[in-house]
């Protein structure tokens, strides 16, 4: 169409040139040729009219084509083939590619309306198929919803029925519970009365038994005291008459009340031990003269303090014998350590143990009935050895006393 418009304009230009030439020729030709030229001009005028009519037809066709592309209210001011293509790309391609994007297909480009029209038909078919598929899915979903609603209604009806049955059973159980509760309350009241009666009777019986127990306990205590006195008397007599001397006094300072005995660490002697002092009389009898207490233990001898003297006219002197029922030089005392470590930093535990063993002591790990001494070191209170010692009545000595015993 654009080529035809260009041809038309070219024709008009040619015609104008021809007219100009004709006018130039007419101006120069003589009058004899005027009639012939006028006839030719008439023919040219007819040809121009025909061309103008053809040009109007082409213009009308071009306007109709623009209206067809852009629409009755569209912009038809563009001209030429390039404007036509741009208009087609901005409208036709945009619309088609928008549908393709919804269908998740790749974009397309066009150079002619025929191509657009063919794709538009295909897209219409795809859209119709998608619409039908959507309608089918919606119908299926609708049917499923209706079916689910019917099933739900049926389930609700069954649940209501079961709920009514359960409520009926619950009412029956509540009635039974109330009956049982009333019965249990009545039985509880009867049991409380019986309990109170038994408690009253038991209280009277307990009071009587308590009185009898107290009376018996008092009798037992009196007998125990009597037995202890008898045992003590027999033990004193046996100690004085039968016990052999453990050692003797080697020196006594009467003014200061100090003395020394021939027993020391090698004889397993310990501080605080009290000895009886006596002397032999004629016939082998023993005369009790008093008591001495060990103050400081040395290697072979020990310093003692006179704590009791029976007769000032017969004082304790050197060569008097000493004896104690709690001391046996042949015995090996058993020691157990309790605690985490020694508090003293001057000696080590290994040294202390080796020193004790050199004096004949035995060292064990656990307390038993044969244990004689528990050595209390740092944090001994919570140890199992200390608890066992308390239960068995084992003598507990402090670390400082032990160190003094071994001369540290």
Protein backbone atom coordinates (compact mmCIF):
# COMPACT_ATOMS: atom_id res chain seq x y z
CA UNK A 1 0.00 0.00 0.00
CA UNK A 2 2.86 2.37 0.84
CA UNK A 3 4.48 1.55 -2.51
CA UNK A 4 1.26 2.47 -4.28
CA UNK A 5 1.11 5.80 -2.48
CA UNK A 6 4.73 6.47 -3.47
CA UNK A 7 3.93 5.60 -7.10
CA UNK A 8 0.98 7.94 -7.00
CA UNK A 9 3.09 10.81 -5.77
CA UNK A 10 5.70 9.97 -8.41
CA UNK A 11 3.06 10.02 -11.07
CA UNK A 12 1.87 13.38 -9.89
CA UNK A 13 5.40 14.71 -9.95
CA UNK A 14 5.88 13.40 -13.51
CA UNK A 15 2.63 14.92 -14.56
CA UNK A 16 3.66 18.25 -13.12
CA UNK A 17 6.94 18.07 -14.99
CA UNK A 18 5.16 17.14 -18.19
CA UNK A 19 2.78 20.05 -17.76
CA UNK A 20 5.69 22.34 -17.15
CA UNK A 21 7.37 21.06 -20.29
CA UNK A 22 4.15 21.31 -22.23
CA UNK A 23 3.65 24.85 -21.06
CA UNK A 24 7.22 25.62 -22.04
CA UNK A 25 6.69 24.03 -25.47
CA UNK A 26 3.35 25.75 -25.88
CA UNK A 27 5.03 29.02 -25.01
CA UNK A 28 7.54 28.53 -27.76
CA UNK A 29 5.46 26.77 -30.38
CA UNK A 30 3.61 28.73 -32.76
CA UNK A 31 -0.07 29.17 -32.91
CA UNK A 32 -0.42 26.42 -35.43
CA UNK A 33 0.37 23.79 -32.92
CA UNK A 34 -1.91 25.26 -30.21
CA UNK A 35 -4.99 23.21 -31.13
CA UNK A 36 -3.00 20.00 -31.21
CA UNK A 37 -1.44 20.82 -27.83
CA UNK A 38 -4.78 21.66 -26.33
CA UNK A 39 -6.10 18.31 -27.43
CA UNK A 40 -3.12 16.62 -25.80
CA UNK A 41 -3.68 18.68 -22.65
CA UNK A 42 -7.27 17.52 -22.57
CA UNK A 43 -6.12 13.95 -22.77
CA UNK A 44 -3.64 14.65 -19.97
CA UNK A 45 -6.38 16.20 -17.83
CA UNK A 46 -8.50 13.12 -18.23
CA UNK A 47 -5.53 10.98 -17.25
CA UNK A 48 -4.91 13.15 -14.19
CA UNK A 49 -8.54 12.82 -13.13
CA UNK A 50 -8.30 9.07 -13.48
CA UNK A 51 -5.13 9.06 -11.40
CA UNK A 52 -6.72 11.25 -8.72
CA UNK A 53 -9.75 8.93 -8.57
CA UNK A 54 -7.42 5.96 -8.22
CA UNK A 55 -5.47 7.83 -5.55
CA UNK A 56 -8.68 8.52 -3.57
CA UNK A 57 -9.61 4.83 -3.79
CA UNK A 58 -6.17 3.85 -2.48
CA UNK A 59 -6.43 6.42 0.32
CA UNK A 60 -9.85 5.11 1.35
CA UNK A 61 -8.52 1.53 1.33
CA UNK A 62 -5.53 2.62 3.42
CA UNK A 63 -7.77 4.36 5.98
CA UNK A 64 -10.05 1.32 6.17
CA UNK A 65 -7.01 -0.91 6.76
CA UNK A 66 -5.78 1.41 9.52
CA UNK A 67 -9.21 1.31 11.17
CA UNK A 68 -9.15 -2.49 10.91
CA UNK A 69 -5.77 -2.64 12.65
CA UNK A 70 -6.14 0.16 15.21
CA UNK A 71 -9.92 0.01 15.70
CA UNK A 72 -12.58 2.71 15.16
CA UNK A 73 -11.25 4.82 18.05
CA UNK A 74 -7.59 3.97 17.55
CA UNK A 75 -4.74 6.18 16.54
CA UNK A 76 -4.59 6.20 12.70
CA UNK A 77 -2.08 9.01 12.40
CA UNK A 78 0.87 6.68 11.68
CA UNK A 79 2.15 6.30 8.20
CA UNK A 80 4.29 3.84 6.36
CA UNK A 81 5.24 0.18 6.73
CA UNK A 82 7.46 0.77 9.81
CA UNK A 83 4.59 2.36 11.75
CA UNK A 84 2.37 -0.56 10.79
CA UNK A 85 4.86 -3.10 12.12
CA UNK A 86 5.42 -1.16 15.36
CA UNK A 87 1.67 -0.91 15.97
CA UNK A 88 1.31 -4.64 15.36
CA UNK A 89 4.18 -5.48 17.79
CA UNK A 90 2.95 -3.23 20.61
CA UNK A 91 -0.66 -4.49 20.50
CA UNK A 92 -0.90 -7.89 18.87
CA UNK A 93 2.32 -9.33 20.27
CA UNK A 94 1.64 -7.88 23.74
CA UNK A 95 -1.81 -9.45 23.90
CA UNK A 96 -0.65 -12.82 22.57
CA UNK A 97 2.43 -12.98 24.82
CA UNK A 98 0.32 -12.13 27.85
CA UNK A 99 -1.84 -15.19 27.15
CA UNK A 100 1.27 -17.29 26.49
CA UNK A 101 2.69 -16.24 29.88
CA UNK A 102 -0.53 -17.41 31.57
CA UNK A 103 -0.16 -20.71 29.72
CA UNK A 104 3.53 -20.88 30.77
CA UNK A 105 4.77 -20.86 27.15
CA UNK A 106 7.62 -18.91 25.56
CA UNK A 107 7.11 -15.50 23.94
CA UNK A 108 6.60 -15.05 20.20
CA UNK A 109 7.13 -12.26 17.61
CA UNK A 110 5.27 -11.62 14.35
CA UNK A 111 5.82 -9.87 11.04
CA UNK A 112 2.29 -10.25 9.64
CA UNK A 113 -1.33 -10.26 10.81
CA UNK A 114 -1.81 -13.70 9.27
CA UNK A 115 0.67 -15.19 11.74
CA UNK A 116 -1.01 -13.44 14.64
CA UNK A 117 -4.43 -14.63 13.54
CA UNK A 118 -3.29 -18.26 13.32
CA UNK A 119 -1.77 -18.18 16.82
CA UNK A 120 -4.83 -16.40 18.19
CA UNK A 121 -7.01 -19.28 16.98
CA UNK A 122 -4.68 -21.80 18.66
CA UNK A 123 -4.65 -19.79 21.87
CA UNK A 124 -8.43 -19.58 21.85
CA UNK A 125 -8.57 -23.38 21.65
CA UNK A 126 -6.05 -23.75 24.51
CA UNK A 127 -7.97 -21.23 26.61
CA UNK A 128 -11.23 -23.03 25.93
CA UNK A 129 -9.61 -26.36 26.86
CA UNK A 130 -8.18 -24.81 30.05
CA UNK A 131 -11.57 -23.33 30.87
CA UNK A 132 -13.27 -26.70 30.33
CA UNK A 133 -10.64 -28.41 32.47
CA UNK A 134 -11.13 -25.81 35.22
CA UNK A 135 -14.91 -26.26 35.02
CA UNK A 136 -14.44 -30.04 35.26
CA UNK A 137 -12.15 -29.72 38.28
CA UNK A 138 -14.56 -27.33 39.92
CA UNK A 139 -17.41 -29.73 39.28
CA UNK A 140 -15.39 -32.61 40.71
CA UNK A 141 -14.45 -30.53 43.74
CA UNK A 142 -18.04 -29.48 44.17
CA UNK A 143 -19.21 -33.09 44.04
CA UNK A 144 -16.48 -34.09 46.51
CA UNK A 145 -17.52 -31.25 48.81
CA UNK A 146 -21.16 -32.32 48.62
CA UNK A 147 -20.17 -35.92 49.32
CA UNK A 148 -17.92 -34.83 52.21
CA UNK A 149 -20.71 -32.70 53.61
CA UNK A 150 -23.08 -35.65 53.44
CA UNK A 151 -20.49 -37.85 55.17
CA UNK A 152 -19.90 -35.15 57.79
CA UNK A 153 -23.63 -34.84 58.40
CA UNK A 154 -23.85 -38.60 58.83
CA UNK A 155 -20.88 -38.60 61.20
CA UNK A 156 -22.36 -35.75 63.22
CA UNK A 157 -25.64 -37.67 63.50
CA UNK A 158 -23.81 -40.77 64.74
CA UNK A 159 -21.78 -38.70 67.19
CA UNK A 160 -24.92 -37.08 68.55
CA UNK A 161 -26.44 -40.50 69.03
CA UNK A 162 -23.34 -41.81 70.80
CA UNK A 163 -23.17 -38.64 72.89
CA UNK A 164 -26.73 -39.18 74.06
CA UNK A 165 -25.88 -42.79 74.95
CA UNK A 166 -22.76 -41.68 76.84
CA UNK A 167 -24.73 -39.02 78.70
CA UNK A 168 -27.23 -41.67 79.73
CA UNK A 169 -24.43 -43.93 80.95
CA UNK A 170 -22.84 -40.99 82.74
CA UNK A 171 -26.08 -40.26 84.58
CA UNK A 172 -26.30 -43.90 85.63
CA UNK A 173 -22.69 -43.84 86.83
CA UNK A 174 -23.28 -40.59 88.69
CA UNK A 175 -26.25 -42.15 90.46
CA UNK A 176 -24.18 -45.21 91.39
CA UNK A 177 -21.36 -42.96 92.55
CA UNK A 178 -23.67 -40.99 94.80
CA UNK A 179 -25.01 -44.23 96.29
CA UNK A 180 -21.47 -45.55 96.86
CA UNK A 181 -20.35 -42.20 98.26
CA UNK A 182 -23.20 -42.16 100.77
CA UNK A 183 -22.45 -45.76 101.71
CA UNK A 184 -18.73 -45.06 102.09
CA UNK A 185 -19.44 -42.01 104.24
CA UNK A 186 -21.64 -44.09 106.48
CA UNK A 187 -19.03 -46.86 106.73
CA UNK A 188 -16.32 -44.24 107.34
CA UNK A 189 -18.33 -42.76 110.20
CA UNK A 190 -18.73 -46.21 111.73
CA UNK A 191 -15.01 -46.94 111.32
CA UNK A 192 -14.12 -43.59 112.89
CA UNK A 193 -16.26 -44.43 115.90
CA UNK A 194 -14.68 -47.86 116.14
CA UNK A 195 -11.21 -46.33 115.74
CA UNK A 196 -11.87 -43.81 118.48
CA UNK A 197 -13.07 -46.60 120.73
CA UNK A 198 -10.00 -48.71 119.99
CA UNK A 199 -7.76 -45.66 120.51
CA UNK A 200 -9.32 -44.98 123.87
CA UNK A 201 -8.88 -48.60 124.90
CA UNK A 202 -5.35 -48.63 123.47
CA UNK A 203 -4.46 -45.40 125.27
CA UNK A 204 -5.47 -46.89 128.59
CA UNK A 205 -3.55 -50.07 127.80
CA UNK A 206 -0.52 -48.07 126.63
CA UNK A 207 -0.55 -46.04 129.84
CA UNK A 208 -0.62 -49.22 131.89
CA UNK A 209 2.15 -50.80 129.81
CA UNK A 210 4.21 -47.60 129.98
CA UNK A 211 3.96 -47.62 133.73
CA UNK A 212 4.99 -51.26 133.80
CA UNK A 213 7.86 -50.58 131.36
CA UNK A 214 9.09 -47.63 133.41
CA UNK A 215 8.95 -49.75 136.54
CA UNK A 216 10.85 -52.58 134.83
CA UNK A 217 13.38 -50.14 133.34
CA UNK A 218 14.00 -48.66 136.76
CA UNK A 219 14.50 -52.16 138.12
CA UNK A 220 16.88 -52.97 135.24
CA UNK A 221 18.84 -49.75 135.78
CA UNK A 222 19.16 -50.51 139.45
CA UNK A 223 20.36 -54.01 138.63
CA UNK A 224 22.77 -52.66 136.00
CA UNK A 225 24.19 -50.20 138.50
CA UNK A 226 24.57 -52.98 141.02
CA UNK A 227 26.27 -55.19 138.42
CA UNK A 228 28.61 -52.35 137.39
CA UNK A 229 29.60 -51.78 141.00
CA UNK A 230 30.21 -55.47 141.54
CA UNK A 231 32.21 -55.70 138.33
CA UNK A 232 34.23 -52.63 139.22
CA UNK A 233 34.99 -54.00 142.67
CA UNK A 234 35.99 -57.38 141.24
CA UNK A 235 38.07 -55.70 138.54
CA UNK A 236 39.89 -53.49 141.03
CA UNK A 237 40.65 -56.44 143.17
CA UNK A 238 41.85 -58.42 140.18
CA UNK A 239 43.94 -55.58 138.88
CA UNK A 240 45.63 -55.00 142.15
CA UNK A 241 46.25 -58.65 142.93
CA UNK A 242 46.78 -60.23 139.54
CA UNK A 243 48.01 -57.69 137.03
CA UNK A 244 51.74 -57.85 136.43
CA UNK A 245 53.70 -54.58 136.30
CA UNK A 246 54.27 -53.04 132.87
CA UNK A 247 57.31 -51.02 133.91
CA UNK A 248 58.86 -49.04 136.74
CA UNK A 249 59.79 -45.55 137.74
CA UNK A 250 63.45 -44.80 137.04
CA UNK A 251 63.48 -41.35 138.66
CA UNK A 252 61.11 -39.06 140.61
CA UNK A 253 61.35 -35.36 141.44
CA UNK A 254 59.12 -35.17 144.46
CA UNK A 255 59.06 -31.39 144.67
CA UNK A 256 57.85 -30.89 141.07
CA UNK A 257 55.65 -33.99 140.93
CA UNK A 258 57.46 -35.27 137.83
CA UNK A 259 58.99 -38.64 137.13
CA UNK A 260 60.23 -40.94 134.41
CA UNK A 261 59.33 -44.53 133.59
CA UNK A 262 61.28 -47.09 131.57
CA UNK A 263 58.68 -47.25 128.77
CA UNK A 264 58.74 -45.26 125.51
CA UNK A 265 57.67 -45.24 121.88
CA UNK A 266 59.36 -48.54 121.22
CA UNK A 267 56.96 -50.01 123.80
CA UNK A 268 53.91 -48.49 122.02
CA UNK A 269 53.29 -46.04 124.83
CA UNK A 270 51.03 -43.01 124.24
CA UNK A 271 50.39 -39.71 125.97
CA UNK A 272 47.61 -39.51 128.52
CA UNK A 273 47.82 -43.14 129.59
CA UNK A 274 47.34 -43.48 133.37
CA UNK A 275 49.33 -46.07 135.33
CA UNK A 276 48.80 -47.32 138.88
CA UNK A 277 51.87 -47.12 141.08
CA UNK A 278 52.60 -49.82 143.68
CA UNK A 279 55.47 -51.45 145.49
CA UNK A 280 56.05 -55.04 146.45
CA UNK A 281 55.95 -55.97 150.15
CA UNK A 282 57.09 -59.07 151.85
CA UNK A 283 55.26 -62.15 150.69
CA UNK A 284 54.73 -60.67 147.22
CA UNK A 285 51.87 -58.42 148.26
CA UNK A 286 51.31 -55.10 146.43
CA UNK A 287 50.95 -51.77 148.17
CA UNK A 288 48.97 -49.25 146.09
CA UNK A 289 50.65 -45.84 146.31
CA UNK A 290 48.88 -43.66 143.70
CA UNK A 291 48.63 -42.83 139.98
CA UNK A 292 50.85 -41.23 137.33
CA UNK A 293 49.90 -39.89 133.85
CA UNK A 294 52.17 -40.01 130.84
CA UNK A 295 53.02 -36.44 129.75
CA UNK A 296 55.72 -36.87 127.09
CA UNK A 297 56.83 -39.99 125.29
CA UNK A 298 60.48 -40.35 124.30
CA UNK A 299 62.23 -43.19 122.53
CA UNK A 300 62.99 -45.45 125.54
CA UNK A 301 61.62 -43.45 128.48
CA UNK A 302 58.64 -41.25 129.15
CA UNK A 303 57.95 -38.31 131.42
CA UNK A 304 55.01 -38.77 133.82
CA UNK A 305 53.11 -36.53 136.23
CA UNK A 306 51.95 -37.69 139.67
CA UNK A 307 48.16 -37.24 139.66
CA UNK A 308 47.40 -39.11 142.92
CA UNK A 309 49.43 -40.00 145.98
CA UNK A 310 47.76 -42.11 148.68
CA UNK A 311 50.08 -41.50 151.61
CA UNK A 312 52.39 -38.50 151.87
CA UNK A 313 54.47 -40.40 154.42
CA UNK A 314 55.01 -43.14 151.85
CA UNK A 315 55.51 -41.08 148.61
CA UNK A 316 56.01 -42.37 145.09
CA UNK A 317 59.71 -42.95 144.52
CA UNK A 318 62.07 -44.49 141.98
CA UNK A 319 61.89 -48.28 141.53
CA UNK A 320 58.12 -48.26 142.23
CA UNK A 321 56.24 -50.41 139.69
CA UNK A 322 53.58 -49.12 137.26
CA UNK A 323 50.75 -51.06 135.69
CA UNK A 324 47.60 -50.40 133.61
CA UNK A 325 44.89 -52.73 132.37
CA UNK A 326 44.72 -50.67 129.18
CA UNK A 327 48.35 -51.15 128.20
CA UNK A 328 50.02 -54.21 126.72
CA UNK A 329 53.53 -53.83 125.24
CA UNK A 330 53.08 -57.04 123.25
CA UNK A 331 49.93 -55.87 121.51
CA UNK A 332 50.08 -54.28 118.02
CA UNK A 333 47.43 -51.55 117.95
CA UNK A 334 45.45 -51.22 114.71
CA UNK A 335 45.11 -47.71 113.24
CA UNK A 336 42.84 -46.43 110.41
CA UNK A 337 43.20 -42.97 108.83
CA UNK A 338 40.06 -40.91 108.09
CA UNK A 339 40.16 -37.73 106.00
CA UNK A 340 41.60 -36.35 102.75
CA UNK A 341 45.13 -35.36 103.84
CA UNK A 342 47.32 -34.35 106.76
CA UNK A 343 46.84 -30.84 108.06
CA UNK A 344 50.51 -30.61 109.05
CA UNK A 345 52.94 -29.55 106.30
CA UNK A 346 56.05 -30.64 108.24
CA UNK A 347 55.70 -34.38 107.59
CA UNK A 348 54.12 -36.60 104.98
CA UNK A 349 51.56 -39.31 105.53
CA UNK A 350 53.97 -41.97 104.24
CA UNK A 351 56.57 -40.90 106.81
CA UNK A 352 54.02 -41.01 109.63
CA UNK A 353 52.85 -44.48 108.61
CA UNK A 354 56.41 -45.81 108.36
CA UNK A 355 57.20 -44.39 111.81
CA UNK A 356 54.09 -45.98 113.31
CA UNK A 357 54.93 -49.34 111.79
CA UNK A 358 58.43 -49.12 113.31
CA UNK A 359 56.75 -49.02 116.74
CA UNK A 360 54.73 -52.12 115.92
CA UNK A 361 51.43 -50.47 114.87
CA UNK A 362 49.27 -51.90 112.09
CA UNK A 363 47.72 -49.61 109.46
CA UNK A 364 44.49 -50.67 107.72
CA UNK A 365 42.11 -49.06 105.25
CA UNK A 366 38.73 -49.91 106.80
CA UNK A 367 37.35 -49.82 110.31
CA UNK A 368 36.21 -53.09 111.87
CA UNK A 369 35.68 -54.53 115.33
CA UNK A 370 39.45 -55.04 115.79
CA UNK A 371 40.32 -51.39 115.11
CA UNK A 372 41.68 -49.63 118.21
CA UNK A 373 42.31 -46.07 116.99
CA UNK A 374 40.90 -43.85 114.22
CA UNK A 375 43.28 -41.04 113.19
CA UNK A 376 41.23 -37.92 112.33
CA UNK A 377 42.90 -35.85 109.59
CA UNK A 378 41.53 -33.05 107.39
CA UNK A 379 37.78 -33.32 106.50
CA UNK A 380 37.32 -36.56 108.44
CA UNK A 381 33.75 -35.82 109.60
CA UNK A 382 31.93 -37.05 106.46
CA UNK A 383 34.04 -40.13 105.76
CA UNK A 384 32.59 -43.66 106.02
CA UNK A 385 35.52 -44.64 108.26
CA UNK A 386 34.52 -42.03 110.86
CA UNK A 387 30.88 -43.13 110.78
CA UNK A 388 31.89 -46.78 111.26
CA UNK A 389 34.23 -45.81 114.13
CA UNK A 390 31.41 -44.04 115.92
CA UNK A 391 29.11 -47.05 115.50
CA UNK A 392 31.75 -49.48 116.79
CA UNK A 393 32.97 -47.24 119.62
CA UNK A 394 36.52 -46.96 118.25
CA UNK A 395 38.76 -44.41 120.01
CA UNK A 396 39.31 -41.30 117.83
CA UNK A 397 42.63 -39.46 118.16
CA UNK A 398 43.54 -36.19 116.50
CA UNK A 399 46.38 -35.77 114.07
CA UNK A 400 48.36 -33.60 116.50
CA UNK A 401 48.10 -36.30 119.19
CA UNK A 402 49.38 -38.90 116.74
CA UNK A 403 52.32 -36.68 115.74
CA UNK A 404 53.16 -36.19 119.42
CA UNK A 405 52.96 -39.95 119.93
CA UNK A 406 55.61 -40.54 117.23
CA UNK A 407 57.77 -37.65 118.47
CA UNK A 408 56.93 -34.95 115.84
